[in-house]
Amino acid sequence: MIGRNGTVDVLFVISPHSLLLDIAGPAEAFRLANLHRAEKRQPQPFRLRFAGPTAALSTSVGLTLAGLEPLPARLNAPTWTVLVGQPNAHVDHVTSAIADIAQWLNRTLHQHLIDEDSPHRLVTICSGALLAARAGLLHRRRCTTHHDMLDTLRRLERHAHILDNRVFVVDGPVASSAGVTAGIDLALHLIALQCGEALAASIATDMVVYLRRSSRDPEMSPFLRNRRHTHAAVHKVQDAIAAEPERSWDMPELAALAHVTERHLLRLFTQHVGESPMSCLQSIRLERARQAIEHGDSVTRAAEVAGFGTSLNLRRAWKRQWGGSPRDAQLPAQ
C-alpha cells in the first residue's frame, strides 16, 4: 500500500466536536514513525493531513482546530482515511456537516474499498464507524466500535458483521477500532503492517504504551469488566483475584476475605457481577494465560503463571471458553 514515493497520506477527517484523543493519539503514533525512520536516514512513510467541511472546527474539549484543508475531490495518492469519534451526546445528531462528510465519503471511497487490493484504506476510531455506516462503507464488512454504540451501529448497517468486545478489527481495506485509546492500538498495528513490527514496538515504547493490544484482545478486559457496581466487599474479592490469579483460591478463602458466608458471597456476585466468584477467577486466569502466550511463553509456562497448574487444565478451560487451543494465541494477528 506504499505509493511510488514511498509515502501514504493519512487523512484525518475532522467533524464538529471530534474527540481530541481520537485524533492526537493515532496522529502521534504516525508522527513518531516518521521520526524514527528519519533518524535512520530512511524515507518517511506517512504524510499527515487534516481535513474537514470547514477550515476550523471545535473539538470535544473546546479546543478549536484551524487550518483544516477542504475534503479533497479525489485521492491522488495512496490514502488512509481516518474517521474519528464524537461524544455520545452528538453521535445521533446528523447535522449538515455530518451529512456533507457522509456524502463525500461515499463519493470518494466507495469504489476504492470494493477493490481488496486498493492502495487506499478506511480507518474508523470509536463512533467514526457510525459515520462510515451512514456513508454506506461497512456493507458486509467485519467491524467494531465503542461498546456503547454497538447497537446503534447495527441499526445503521444491518448487513455488517459487527463484532462485540474487540479492540480493533481489520477486514481488507477497512479497519475499525473501539473507543479512544483503541485508536492508538490500531495505529500501531497498521504501522507494523506497513513498516514492520520493530518500528511499531519502538513507537509503543516512546508512547509508554504498557501493553500493545492485538485484534484478538477484548475491548473490555476481564480485569476491568463488571466493576461498575458499588459493593465494597465484592470489589475487595475482585481486587484480590485480579492481583493474584495464580493463587489457589477457593470459596471459603474468598468468603473469609469478604467477611461473609460462602452462600452470601455467591449471592452478592450473582447480583453485582453476573457470575460466580470462581467463574470470575477463571476468566481472569484465561486472560492472563492468553497474554502470556501472545508474549512468547509456552502453553505450559502460561498455565503455571495463570494459576491453572498444568497445561491440560488450561487447554480444557480454553476449549470451554473459546473453543480451539491455547496455541491459537501464538498465531500472527490477522
C-alpha atoms as a PDB file:
ATOM      1  CA  MET A   1       0.000   0.000   0.000  1.00  0.00           C
ATOM      2  CA  ILE A   2       3.040   2.249  -0.356  1.00  0.00           C
ATOM      3  CA  GLY A   3       2.890   4.834  -3.100  1.00  0.00           C
ATOM      4  CA  ARG A   4       5.548   5.409  -5.737  1.00  0.00           C
ATOM      5  CA  ASN A   5       7.261   7.921  -3.493  1.00  0.00           C
ATOM      6  CA  GLY A   6       7.082   5.515  -0.537  1.00  0.00           C
ATOM      7  CA  THR A   7       4.533   7.617   1.324  1.00  0.00           C
ATOM      8  CA  VAL A   8       0.954   7.032   2.455  1.00  0.00           C
ATOM      9  CA  ASP A   9      -1.302  10.024   3.089  1.00  0.00           C
ATOM     10  CA  VAL A  10      -3.012   9.642   6.488  1.00  0.00           C
ATOM     11  CA  LEU A  11      -6.063  11.870   6.102  1.00  0.00           C
ATOM     12  CA  PHE A  12      -7.866  12.649   9.363  1.00  0.00           C
ATOM     13  CA  VAL A  13     -11.435  13.719   8.608  1.00  0.00           C
ATOM     14  CA  ILE A  14     -12.478  16.150  11.329  1.00  0.00           C
ATOM     15  CA  SER A  15     -16.138  16.666  12.146  1.00  0.00           C
ATOM     16  CA  PRO A  16     -17.642  19.069  14.713  1.00  0.00           C
ATOM     17  CA  HIS A  17     -16.924  18.032  18.331  1.00  0.00           C
ATOM     18  CA  SER A  18     -14.429  15.346  17.311  1.00  0.00           C
ATOM     19  CA  LEU A  19     -12.827  13.545  20.254  1.00  0.00           C
ATOM     20  CA  LEU A  20      -9.405  15.118  20.533  1.00  0.00           C
ATOM     21  CA  LEU A  21      -7.654  11.966  21.736  1.00  0.00           C
ATOM     22  CA  ASP A  22      -9.023  10.049  18.737  1.00  0.00           C
ATOM     23  CA  ILE A  23      -7.062  12.499  16.594  1.00  0.00           C
ATOM     24  CA  ALA A  24      -3.957  13.156  18.680  1.00  0.00           C
ATOM     25  CA  GLY A  25      -3.225   9.583  19.815  1.00  0.00           C
ATOM     26  CA  PRO A  26      -3.018   7.898  16.386  1.00  0.00           C
ATOM     27  CA  ALA A  27      -1.509  11.027  14.782  1.00  0.00           C
ATOM     28  CA  GLU A  28       1.311  10.957  17.324  1.00  0.00           C
ATOM     29  CA  ALA A  29       1.999   7.306  16.510  1.00  0.00           C
ATOM     30  CA  PHE A  30       2.303   8.141  12.795  1.00  0.00           C
ATOM     31  CA  ARG A  31       4.474  11.173  13.596  1.00  0.00           C
ATOM     32  CA  LEU A  32       6.843   9.012  15.625  1.00  0.00           C
ATOM     33  CA  ALA A  33       7.019   6.502  12.774  1.00  0.00           C
ATOM     34  CA  ASN A  34       8.281   9.299  10.552  1.00  0.00           C
ATOM     35  CA  LEU A  35      10.726  10.465  13.225  1.00  0.00           C
ATOM     36  CA  HIS A  36      12.211   7.009  13.753  1.00  0.00           C
ATOM     37  CA  ARG A  37      12.643   6.488  10.025  1.00  0.00           C
ATOM     38  CA  ALA A  38      14.189   9.954   9.582  1.00  0.00           C
ATOM     39  CA  GLU A  39      16.716   9.241  12.351  1.00  0.00           C
ATOM     40  CA  LYS A  40      17.860   6.255  10.309  1.00  0.00           C
ATOM     41  CA  ARG A  41      18.016   8.372   7.156  1.00  0.00           C
ATOM     42  CA  GLN A  42      15.139   6.402   5.676  1.00  0.00           C
ATOM     43  CA  PRO A  43      12.134   7.818   3.781  1.00  0.00           C
ATOM     44  CA  GLN A  44       9.252   8.950   5.954  1.00  0.00           C
ATOM     45  CA  PRO A  45       6.316   6.560   5.398  1.00  0.00           C
ATOM     46  CA  PHE A  46       3.396   8.831   6.309  1.00  0.00           C
ATOM     47  CA  ARG A  47       2.126  12.286   5.411  1.00  0.00           C
ATOM     48  CA  LEU A  48      -0.315  13.605   7.998  1.00  0.00           C
ATOM     49  CA  ARG A  49      -3.250  15.608   6.653  1.00  0.00           C
ATOM     50  CA  PHE A  50      -6.274  17.060   8.422  1.00  0.00           C
ATOM     51  CA  ALA A  51      -9.439  17.950   6.512  1.00  0.00           C
ATOM     52  CA  GLY A  52     -12.995  18.944   7.303  1.00  0.00           C
ATOM     53  CA  PRO A  53     -16.157  20.512   5.940  1.00  0.00           C
ATOM     54  CA  THR A  54     -14.918  23.896   7.196  1.00  0.00           C
ATOM     55  CA  ALA A  55     -11.465  25.327   7.843  1.00  0.00           C
ATOM     56  CA  ALA A  56     -11.933  25.496  11.631  1.00  0.00           C
ATOM     57  CA  LEU A  57     -13.869  23.188  13.946  1.00  0.00           C
ATOM     58  CA  SER A  58     -14.251  22.891  17.706  1.00  0.00           C
ATOM     59  CA  THR A  59     -13.235  19.572  19.309  1.00  0.00           C
ATOM     60  CA  SER A  60     -14.731  17.654  22.226  1.00  0.00           C
ATOM     61  CA  VAL A  61     -12.701  19.629  24.795  1.00  0.00           C
ATOM     62  CA  GLY A  62     -13.490  23.024  23.286  1.00  0.00           C
ATOM     63  CA  LEU A  63     -10.120  23.453  21.600  1.00  0.00           C
ATOM     64  CA  THR A  64     -10.553  24.682  18.030  1.00  0.00           C
ATOM     65  CA  LEU A  65      -8.589  23.094  15.214  1.00  0.00           C
ATOM     66  CA  ALA A  66      -7.872  25.619  12.477  1.00  0.00           C
ATOM     67  CA  GLY A  67      -6.207  25.409   9.093  1.00  0.00           C
ATOM     68  CA  LEU A  68      -8.099  22.286   8.063  1.00  0.00           C
ATOM     69  CA  GLU A  69      -7.871  21.568   4.366  1.00  0.00           C
ATOM     70  CA  PRO A  70     -11.061  21.039   2.342  1.00  0.00           C
ATOM     71  CA  LEU A  71     -12.238  17.488   1.811  1.00  0.00           C
ATOM     72  CA  PRO A  72     -10.355  16.509  -1.370  1.00  0.00           C
ATOM     73  CA  ALA A  73     -12.286  15.920  -4.564  1.00  0.00           C
ATOM     74  CA  ARG A  74     -10.251  12.766  -5.230  1.00  0.00           C
ATOM     75  CA  LEU A  75      -7.485  10.686  -3.686  1.00  0.00           C
ATOM     76  CA  ASN A  76      -4.392  11.342  -5.743  1.00  0.00           C
ATOM     77  CA  ALA A  77      -2.038   9.240  -3.612  1.00  0.00           C
ATOM     78  CA  PRO A  78      -2.431   6.083  -1.511  1.00  0.00           C
ATOM     79  CA  THR A  79      -4.578   7.362   1.361  1.00  0.00           C
ATOM     80  CA  TRP A  80      -5.711   6.069   4.741  1.00  0.00           C
ATOM     81  CA  THR A  81      -8.873   7.997   5.558  1.00  0.00           C
ATOM     82  CA  VAL A  82      -9.293   8.186   9.348  1.00  0.00           C
ATOM     83  CA  LEU A  83     -12.774   8.832  10.795  1.00  0.00           C
ATOM     84  CA  VAL A  84     -12.660   9.843  14.449  1.00  0.00           C
ATOM     85  CA  GLY A  85     -15.407   9.728  17.050  1.00  0.00           C
ATOM     86  CA  GLN A  86     -17.650  12.241  18.768  1.00  0.00           C
ATOM     87  CA  PRO A  87     -19.011  12.340  22.333  1.00  0.00           C
ATOM     88  CA  ASN A  88     -22.186  10.315  22.900  1.00  0.00           C
ATOM     89  CA  ALA A  89     -24.294  13.472  23.079  1.00  0.00           C
ATOM     90  CA  HIS A  90     -23.514  14.254  19.421  1.00  0.00           C
ATOM     91  CA  VAL A  91     -23.449  10.909  17.614  1.00  0.00           C
ATOM     92  CA  ASP A  92     -27.206  10.739  16.992  1.00  0.00           C
ATOM     93  CA  HIS A  93     -27.436  14.255  15.532  1.00  0.00           C
ATOM     94  CA  VAL A  94     -26.929  14.151  11.786  1.00  0.00           C
ATOM     95  CA  THR A  95     -26.045  17.782  11.206  1.00  0.00           C
ATOM     96  CA  SER A  96     -25.440  19.281   7.782  1.00  0.00           C
ATOM     97  CA  ALA A  97     -21.691  18.895   8.366  1.00  0.00           C
ATOM     98  CA  ILE A  98     -22.057  15.171   9.110  1.00  0.00           C
ATOM     99  CA  ALA A  99     -24.314  14.732   6.065  1.00  0.00           C
ATOM    100  CA  ASP A 100     -21.741  16.502   3.885  1.00  0.00           C
ATOM    101  CA  ILE A 101     -18.932  14.282   5.165  1.00  0.00           C
ATOM    102  CA  ALA A 102     -21.002  11.110   4.641  1.00  0.00           C
ATOM    103  CA  GLN A 103     -21.779  12.110   1.063  1.00  0.00           C
ATOM    104  CA  TRP A 104     -18.121  12.901   0.415  1.00  0.00           C
ATOM    105  CA  LEU A 105     -17.048   9.547   1.862  1.00  0.00           C
ATOM    106  CA  ASN A 106     -19.453   7.611  -0.319  1.00  0.00           C
ATOM    107  CA  ARG A 107     -18.491   9.553  -3.424  1.00  0.00           C
ATOM    108  CA  THR A 108     -14.754   9.337  -2.797  1.00  0.00           C
ATOM    109  CA  LEU A 109     -14.163   5.939  -1.155  1.00  0.00           C
ATOM    110  CA  HIS A 110     -16.981   3.571  -2.073  1.00  0.00           C
ATOM    111  CA  GLN A 111     -15.475   2.248  -5.303  1.00  0.00           C
ATOM    112  CA  HIS A 112     -11.951   2.159  -3.888  1.00  0.00           C
ATOM    113  CA  LEU A 113     -12.964  -0.075  -0.965  1.00  0.00           C
ATOM    114  CA  ILE A 114     -14.601  -2.658  -3.229  1.00  0.00           C
ATOM    115  CA  ASP A 115     -11.133  -3.485  -4.554  1.00  0.00           C
ATOM    116  CA  GLU A 116      -9.387  -5.634  -1.918  1.00  0.00           C
ATOM    117  CA  ASP A 117      -6.026  -4.643  -3.434  1.00  0.00           C
ATOM    118  CA  SER A 118      -6.799  -0.937  -3.258  1.00  0.00           C
ATOM    119  CA  PRO A 119      -3.942   1.357  -2.197  1.00  0.00           C
ATOM    120  CA  HIS A 120      -6.499   3.174  -0.046  1.00  0.00           C
ATOM    121  CA  ARG A 121      -7.779   2.248   3.396  1.00  0.00           C
ATOM    122  CA  LEU A 122     -10.657   3.314   5.648  1.00  0.00           C
ATOM    123  CA  VAL A 123      -9.817   3.580   9.364  1.00  0.00           C
ATOM    124  CA  THR A 124     -12.513   4.260  11.960  1.00  0.00           C
ATOM    125  CA  ILE A 125     -11.995   5.093  15.625  1.00  0.00           C
ATOM    126  CA  CYS A 126     -14.787   4.885  18.191  1.00  0.00           C
ATOM    127  CA  SER A 127     -18.037   6.319  16.755  1.00  0.00           C
ATOM    128  CA  GLY A 128     -16.263   7.072  13.494  1.00  0.00           C
ATOM    129  CA  ALA A 129     -17.723   3.702  12.472  1.00  0.00           C
ATOM    130  CA  LEU A 130     -21.211   5.242  12.629  1.00  0.00           C
ATOM    131  CA  LEU A 131     -20.153   7.868  10.107  1.00  0.00           C
ATOM    132  CA  ALA A 132     -18.756   5.133   7.866  1.00  0.00           C
ATOM    133  CA  ALA A 133     -22.068   3.269   8.138  1.00  0.00           C
ATOM    134  CA  ARG A 134     -24.018   6.399   7.199  1.00  0.00           C
ATOM    135  CA  ALA A 135     -21.786   6.656   4.153  1.00  0.00           C
ATOM    136  CA  GLY A 136     -22.589   3.055   3.159  1.00  0.00           C
ATOM    137  CA  LEU A 137     -18.987   1.868   3.557  1.00  0.00           C
ATOM    138  CA  LEU A 138     -19.466  -1.019   6.014  1.00  0.00           C
ATOM    139  CA  HIS A 139     -21.848  -3.195   3.987  1.00  0.00           C
ATOM    140  CA  ARG A 140     -20.958  -6.858   4.656  1.00  0.00           C
ATOM    141  CA  ARG A 141     -17.785  -5.801   6.472  1.00  0.00           C
ATOM    142  CA  ARG A 142     -16.445  -7.193   9.742  1.00  0.00           C
ATOM    143  CA  CYS A 143     -16.125  -4.200  12.045  1.00  0.00           C
ATOM    144  CA  THR A 144     -16.485  -2.891  15.581  1.00  0.00           C
ATOM    145  CA  THR A 145     -16.973   0.323  17.545  1.00  0.00           C
ATOM    146  CA  HIS A 146     -17.192   1.570  21.135  1.00  0.00           C
ATOM    147  CA  HIS A 147     -19.256  -0.812  23.277  1.00  0.00           C
ATOM    148  CA  ASP A 148     -21.863   1.883  23.999  1.00  0.00           C
ATOM    149  CA  MET A 149     -22.555   2.284  20.263  1.00  0.00           C
ATOM    150  CA  LEU A 150     -22.693  -1.301  19.004  1.00  0.00           C
ATOM    151  CA  ASP A 151     -26.495  -1.356  18.882  1.00  0.00           C
ATOM    152  CA  THR A 152     -26.582   1.980  17.059  1.00  0.00           C
ATOM    153  CA  LEU A 153     -24.115   0.652  14.501  1.00  0.00           C
ATOM    154  CA  ARG A 154     -26.272  -2.425  13.998  1.00  0.00           C
ATOM    155  CA  ARG A 155     -29.288  -0.228  13.305  1.00  0.00           C
ATOM    156  CA  LEU A 156     -27.376   1.885  10.807  1.00  0.00           C
ATOM    157  CA  GLU A 157     -25.847  -1.026   8.898  1.00  0.00           C
ATOM    158  CA  ARG A 158     -27.852  -4.228   9.221  1.00  0.00           C
ATOM    159  CA  HIS A 159     -25.678  -6.104   6.748  1.00  0.00           C
ATOM    160  CA  ALA A 160     -22.354  -5.578   8.533  1.00  0.00           C
ATOM    161  CA  HIS A 161     -20.792  -8.295  10.680  1.00  0.00           C
ATOM    162  CA  ILE A 162     -20.356  -6.284  13.868  1.00  0.00           C
ATOM    163  CA  LEU A 163     -18.076  -7.828  16.479  1.00  0.00           C
ATOM    164  CA  ASP A 164     -18.597  -7.103  20.169  1.00  0.00           C
ATOM    165  CA  ASN A 165     -15.821  -6.623  22.702  1.00  0.00           C
ATOM    166  CA  ARG A 166     -12.911  -6.218  20.280  1.00  0.00           C
ATOM    167  CA  VAL A 167     -10.118  -3.642  20.448  1.00  0.00           C
ATOM    168  CA  PHE A 168      -9.964  -3.457  16.667  1.00  0.00           C
ATOM    169  CA  VAL A 169     -10.964  -5.407  13.583  1.00  0.00           C
ATOM    170  CA  VAL A 170      -9.262  -5.405  10.168  1.00  0.00           C
ATOM    171  CA  ASP A 171     -11.300  -6.579   7.176  1.00  0.00           C
ATOM    172  CA  GLY A 172      -9.375  -5.999   3.959  1.00  0.00           C
ATOM    173  CA  PRO A 173      -9.027  -2.239   3.375  1.00  0.00           C
ATOM    174  CA  VAL A 174     -11.428  -1.434   6.247  1.00  0.00           C
ATOM    175  CA  ALA A 175     -10.047  -1.190   9.785  1.00  0.00           C
ATOM    176  CA  SER A 176     -12.220  -0.241  12.764  1.00  0.00           C
ATOM    177  CA  SER A 177     -11.496   0.187  16.456  1.00  0.00           C
ATOM    178  CA  ALA A 178     -13.319   0.598  19.732  1.00  0.00           C
ATOM    179  CA  GLY A 179     -13.194   3.702  21.881  1.00  0.00           C
ATOM    180  CA  VAL A 180     -10.480   6.304  22.295  1.00  0.00           C
ATOM    181  CA  THR A 181      -7.194   4.543  23.238  1.00  0.00           C
ATOM    182  CA  ALA A 182      -8.039   1.629  20.928  1.00  0.00           C
ATOM    183  CA  GLY A 183      -7.232   4.052  18.103  1.00  0.00           C
ATOM    184  CA  ILE A 184      -3.603   4.013  19.258  1.00  0.00           C
ATOM    185  CA  ASP A 185      -3.584   0.206  19.227  1.00  0.00           C
ATOM    186  CA  LEU A 186      -4.968   0.202  15.701  1.00  0.00           C
ATOM    187  CA  ALA A 187      -2.468   2.819  14.521  1.00  0.00           C
ATOM    188  CA  LEU A 188       0.424   0.743  15.903  1.00  0.00           C
ATOM    189  CA  HIS A 189      -0.979  -2.356  14.198  1.00  0.00           C
ATOM    190  CA  LEU A 190      -1.218  -0.590  10.840  1.00  0.00           C
ATOM    191  CA  ILE A 191       2.282   0.834  11.253  1.00  0.00           C
ATOM    192  CA  ALA A 192       3.545  -2.696  11.947  1.00  0.00           C
ATOM    193  CA  LEU A 193       1.866  -3.994   8.777  1.00  0.00           C
ATOM    194  CA  GLN A 194       3.333  -1.158   6.733  1.00  0.00           C
ATOM    195  CA  CYS A 195       6.790  -0.736   8.265  1.00  0.00           C
ATOM    196  CA  GLY A 196       7.467  -3.796  10.411  1.00  0.00           C
ATOM    197  CA  GLU A 197       6.987  -4.886  13.997  1.00  0.00           C
ATOM    198  CA  ALA A 198      10.298  -3.428  15.179  1.00  0.00           C
ATOM    199  CA  LEU A 199       9.270   0.112  14.294  1.00  0.00           C
ATOM    200  CA  ALA A 200       5.840  -0.303  15.899  1.00  0.00           C
ATOM    201  CA  ALA A 201       7.437  -1.661  19.081  1.00  0.00           C
ATOM    202  CA  SER A 202       9.795   1.317  19.251  1.00  0.00           C
ATOM    203  CA  ILE A 203       6.888   3.730  18.890  1.00  0.00           C
ATOM    204  CA  ALA A 204       4.924   1.916  21.604  1.00  0.00           C
ATOM    205  CA  THR A 205       7.947   2.293  23.892  1.00  0.00           C
ATOM    206  CA  ASP A 206       8.165   6.025  23.145  1.00  0.00           C
ATOM    207  CA  MET A 207       4.453   6.450  23.851  1.00  0.00           C
ATOM    208  CA  VAL A 208       4.725   4.387  27.054  1.00  0.00           C
ATOM    209  CA  VAL A 209       2.048   2.011  25.825  1.00  0.00           C
ATOM    210  CA  TYR A 210       2.150  -0.601  28.596  1.00  0.00           C
ATOM    211  CA  LEU A 211       0.636  -3.420  26.543  1.00  0.00           C
ATOM    212  CA  ARG A 212       0.190  -3.383  22.791  1.00  0.00           C
ATOM    213  CA  ARG A 213      -3.208  -4.948  22.221  1.00  0.00           C
ATOM    214  CA  SER A 214      -3.899  -7.066  19.158  1.00  0.00           C
ATOM    215  CA  SER A 215      -7.008  -7.715  17.082  1.00  0.00           C
ATOM    216  CA  ARG A 216      -7.680 -10.737  19.290  1.00  0.00           C
ATOM    217  CA  ASP A 217      -7.835  -8.710  22.504  1.00  0.00           C
ATOM    218  CA  PRO A 218     -11.241  -7.965  24.036  1.00  0.00           C
ATOM    219  CA  GLU A 219     -12.250  -4.331  24.377  1.00  0.00           C
ATOM    220  CA  MET A 220     -13.324  -4.914  27.977  1.00  0.00           C
ATOM    221  CA  SER A 221     -10.584  -6.815  29.824  1.00  0.00           C
ATOM    222  CA  PRO A 222     -11.745  -9.379  32.393  1.00  0.00           C
ATOM    223  CA  PHE A 223      -9.638  -7.384  34.853  1.00  0.00           C
ATOM    224  CA  LEU A 224     -11.992  -4.408  34.365  1.00  0.00           C
ATOM    225  CA  ARG A 225     -15.283  -5.993  33.351  1.00  0.00           C
ATOM    226  CA  ASN A 226     -18.218  -5.876  35.793  1.00  0.00           C
ATOM    227  CA  ARG A 227     -16.550  -3.327  38.058  1.00  0.00           C
ATOM    228  CA  ARG A 228     -19.201  -0.595  37.854  1.00  0.00           C
ATOM    229  CA  HIS A 229     -21.059  -1.731  40.962  1.00  0.00           C
ATOM    230  CA  THR A 230     -20.525  -0.095  44.370  1.00  0.00           C
ATOM    231  CA  HIS A 231     -20.379  -3.099  46.717  1.00  0.00           C
ATOM    232  CA  ALA A 232     -17.110  -2.824  48.663  1.00  0.00           C
ATOM    233  CA  ALA A 233     -16.856  -6.492  49.645  1.00  0.00           C
ATOM    234  CA  VAL A 234     -17.288  -7.676  46.071  1.00  0.00           C
ATOM    235  CA  HIS A 235     -14.677  -5.180  44.862  1.00  0.00           C
ATOM    236  CA  LYS A 236     -12.301  -6.484  47.536  1.00  0.00           C
ATOM    237  CA  VAL A 237     -12.628 -10.051  46.266  1.00  0.00           C
ATOM    238  CA  GLN A 238     -12.282  -8.935  42.626  1.00  0.00           C
ATOM    239  CA  ASP A 239      -9.152  -6.947  43.508  1.00  0.00           C
ATOM    240  CA  ALA A 240      -7.625  -9.946  45.254  1.00  0.00           C
ATOM    241  CA  ILE A 241      -8.136 -12.448  42.455  1.00  0.00           C
ATOM    242  CA  ALA A 242      -7.051  -9.919  39.805  1.00  0.00           C
ATOM    243  CA  ALA A 243      -3.827  -9.252  41.731  1.00  0.00           C
ATOM    244  CA  GLU A 244      -3.022 -12.961  42.247  1.00  0.00           C
ATOM    245  CA  PRO A 245      -4.925 -15.155  39.775  1.00  0.00           C
ATOM    246  CA  GLU A 246      -2.201 -17.808  40.095  1.00  0.00           C
ATOM    247  CA  ARG A 247      -3.045 -18.322  43.778  1.00  0.00           C
ATOM    248  CA  SER A 248      -5.058 -21.433  44.753  1.00  0.00           C
ATOM    249  CA  TRP A 249      -8.219 -19.549  45.670  1.00  0.00           C
ATOM    250  CA  ASP A 250     -11.284 -21.410  46.924  1.00  0.00           C
ATOM    251  CA  MET A 251     -14.726 -20.264  48.066  1.00  0.00           C
ATOM    252  CA  PRO A 252     -14.023 -20.447  51.811  1.00  0.00           C
ATOM    253  CA  GLU A 253     -10.929 -18.263  51.411  1.00  0.00           C
ATOM    254  CA  LEU A 254     -12.748 -15.699  49.220  1.00  0.00           C
ATOM    255  CA  ALA A 255     -15.715 -15.594  51.595  1.00  0.00           C
ATOM    256  CA  ALA A 256     -13.400 -15.010  54.549  1.00  0.00           C
ATOM    257  CA  LEU A 257     -11.743 -12.184  52.625  1.00  0.00           C
ATOM    258  CA  ALA A 258     -15.157 -10.521  52.195  1.00  0.00           C
ATOM    259  CA  HIS A 259     -16.231 -11.325  55.781  1.00  0.00           C
ATOM    260  CA  VAL A 260     -19.393 -13.091  54.571  1.00  0.00           C
ATOM    261  CA  THR A 261     -20.539 -16.689  54.231  1.00  0.00           C
ATOM    262  CA  GLU A 262     -19.857 -18.614  51.044  1.00  0.00           C
ATOM    263  CA  ARG A 263     -23.546 -18.647  50.177  1.00  0.00           C
ATOM    264  CA  HIS A 264     -23.864 -14.903  50.704  1.00  0.00           C
ATOM    265  CA  LEU A 265     -20.747 -14.209  48.618  1.00  0.00           C
ATOM    266  CA  LEU A 266     -22.245 -16.225  45.767  1.00  0.00           C
ATOM    267  CA  ARG A 267     -25.467 -14.187  46.031  1.00  0.00           C
ATOM    268  CA  LEU A 268     -23.521 -10.921  46.038  1.00  0.00           C
ATOM    269  CA  PHE A 269     -21.511 -11.878  42.945  1.00  0.00           C
ATOM    270  CA  THR A 270     -24.618 -13.050  41.112  1.00  0.00           C
ATOM    271  CA  GLN A 271     -26.347  -9.754  41.896  1.00  0.00           C
ATOM    272  CA  HIS A 272     -23.497  -7.313  41.253  1.00  0.00           C
ATOM    273  CA  VAL A 273     -21.190  -9.128  38.815  1.00  0.00           C
ATOM    274  CA  GLY A 274     -23.490 -11.510  36.993  1.00  0.00           C
ATOM    275  CA  GLU A 275     -21.262 -14.554  37.550  1.00  0.00           C
ATOM    276  CA  SER A 276     -19.854 -16.598  40.423  1.00  0.00           C
ATOM    277  CA  PRO A 277     -16.542 -15.762  42.121  1.00  0.00           C
ATOM    278  CA  MET A 278     -14.931 -18.896  40.654  1.00  0.00           C
ATOM    279  CA  SER A 279     -16.197 -18.083  37.155  1.00  0.00           C
ATOM    280  CA  CYS A 280     -14.717 -14.587  37.524  1.00  0.00           C
ATOM    281  CA  LEU A 281     -11.418 -16.136  38.608  1.00  0.00           C
ATOM    282  CA  GLN A 282     -11.455 -18.495  35.622  1.00  0.00           C
ATOM    283  CA  SER A 283     -11.957 -15.605  33.177  1.00  0.00           C
ATOM    284  CA  ILE A 284      -9.048 -13.661  34.672  1.00  0.00           C
ATOM    285  CA  ARG A 285      -6.806 -16.713  34.599  1.00  0.00           C
ATOM    286  CA  LEU A 286      -7.631 -17.331  30.943  1.00  0.00           C
ATOM    287  CA  GLU A 287      -6.840 -13.723  30.073  1.00  0.00           C
ATOM    288  CA  ARG A 288      -3.536 -13.898  31.958  1.00  0.00           C
ATOM    289  CA  ALA A 289      -2.658 -17.115  30.116  1.00  0.00           C
ATOM    290  CA  ARG A 290      -3.596 -15.653  26.727  1.00  0.00           C
ATOM    291  CA  GLN A 291      -1.433 -12.592  27.297  1.00  0.00           C
ATOM    292  CA  ALA A 292       1.494 -14.767  28.396  1.00  0.00           C
ATOM    293  CA  ILE A 293       1.255 -16.953  25.260  1.00  0.00           C
ATOM    294  CA  GLU A 294       0.992 -13.920  22.952  1.00  0.00           C
ATOM    295  CA  HIS A 295       4.169 -12.565  24.534  1.00  0.00           C
ATOM    296  CA  GLY A 296       6.140 -15.732  23.854  1.00  0.00           C
ATOM    297  CA  ASP A 297       5.545 -18.063  26.817  1.00  0.00           C
ATOM    298  CA  SER A 298       4.894 -21.736  26.180  1.00  0.00           C
ATOM    299  CA  VAL A 299       1.467 -23.178  26.951  1.00  0.00           C
ATOM    300  CA  THR A 300       2.991 -24.984  29.947  1.00  0.00           C
ATOM    301  CA  ARG A 301       4.536 -21.792  31.318  1.00  0.00           C
ATOM    302  CA  ALA A 302       1.327 -19.811  30.701  1.00  0.00           C
ATOM    303  CA  ALA A 303      -0.651 -22.412  32.642  1.00  0.00           C
ATOM    304  CA  GLU A 304       1.721 -22.024  35.579  1.00  0.00           C
ATOM    305  CA  VAL A 305       1.737 -18.216  35.741  1.00  0.00           C
ATOM    306  CA  ALA A 306      -2.049 -18.006  35.310  1.00  0.00           C
ATOM    307  CA  GLY A 307      -2.846 -20.496  38.067  1.00  0.00           C
ATOM    308  CA  PHE A 308      -4.042 -23.497  36.045  1.00  0.00           C
ATOM    309  CA  GLY A 309      -1.278 -25.727  37.352  1.00  0.00           C
ATOM    310  CA  THR A 310      -0.994 -27.903  34.256  1.00  0.00           C
ATOM    311  CA  SER A 311      -1.263 -27.286  30.530  1.00  0.00           C
ATOM    312  CA  LEU A 312      -4.078 -29.854  30.399  1.00  0.00           C
ATOM    313  CA  ASN A 313      -6.197 -27.760  32.785  1.00  0.00           C
ATOM    314  CA  LEU A 314      -5.533 -24.675  30.662  1.00  0.00           C
ATOM    315  CA  ARG A 315      -6.451 -26.477  27.437  1.00  0.00           C
ATOM    316  CA  ARG A 316      -9.719 -27.715  28.912  1.00  0.00           C
ATOM    317  CA  ALA A 317     -10.688 -24.272  30.220  1.00  0.00           C
ATOM    318  CA  TRP A 318      -9.664 -22.620  26.934  1.00  0.00           C
ATOM    319  CA  LYS A 319     -11.783 -25.033  24.886  1.00  0.00           C
ATOM    320  CA  ARG A 320     -14.831 -24.469  27.106  1.00  0.00           C
ATOM    321  CA  GLN A 321     -14.463 -20.685  26.957  1.00  0.00           C
ATOM    322  CA  TRP A 322     -13.365 -20.018  23.385  1.00  0.00           C
ATOM    323  CA  GLY A 323     -13.038 -23.312  21.560  1.00  0.00           C
ATOM    324  CA  GLY A 324      -9.824 -24.304  19.853  1.00  0.00           C
ATOM    325  CA  SER A 325      -6.474 -24.488  21.600  1.00  0.00           C
ATOM    326  CA  PRO A 326      -4.174 -22.097  23.540  1.00  0.00           C
ATOM    327  CA  ARG A 327      -1.755 -22.465  20.631  1.00  0.00           C
ATOM    328  CA  ASP A 328      -4.168 -20.344  18.587  1.00  0.00           C
ATOM    329  CA  ALA A 329      -2.842 -17.337  20.512  1.00  0.00           C
ATOM    330  CA  GLN A 330       0.603 -17.979  19.042  1.00  0.00           C
ATOM    331  CA  LEU A 331      -0.657 -17.317  15.515  1.00  0.00           C
ATOM    332  CA  PRO A 332       0.190 -13.938  13.928  1.00  0.00           C
ATOM    333  CA  ALA A 333      -2.593 -11.295  14.253  1.00  0.00           C
ATOM    334  CA  GLN A 334      -4.733 -11.049  11.149  1.00  0.00           C
END
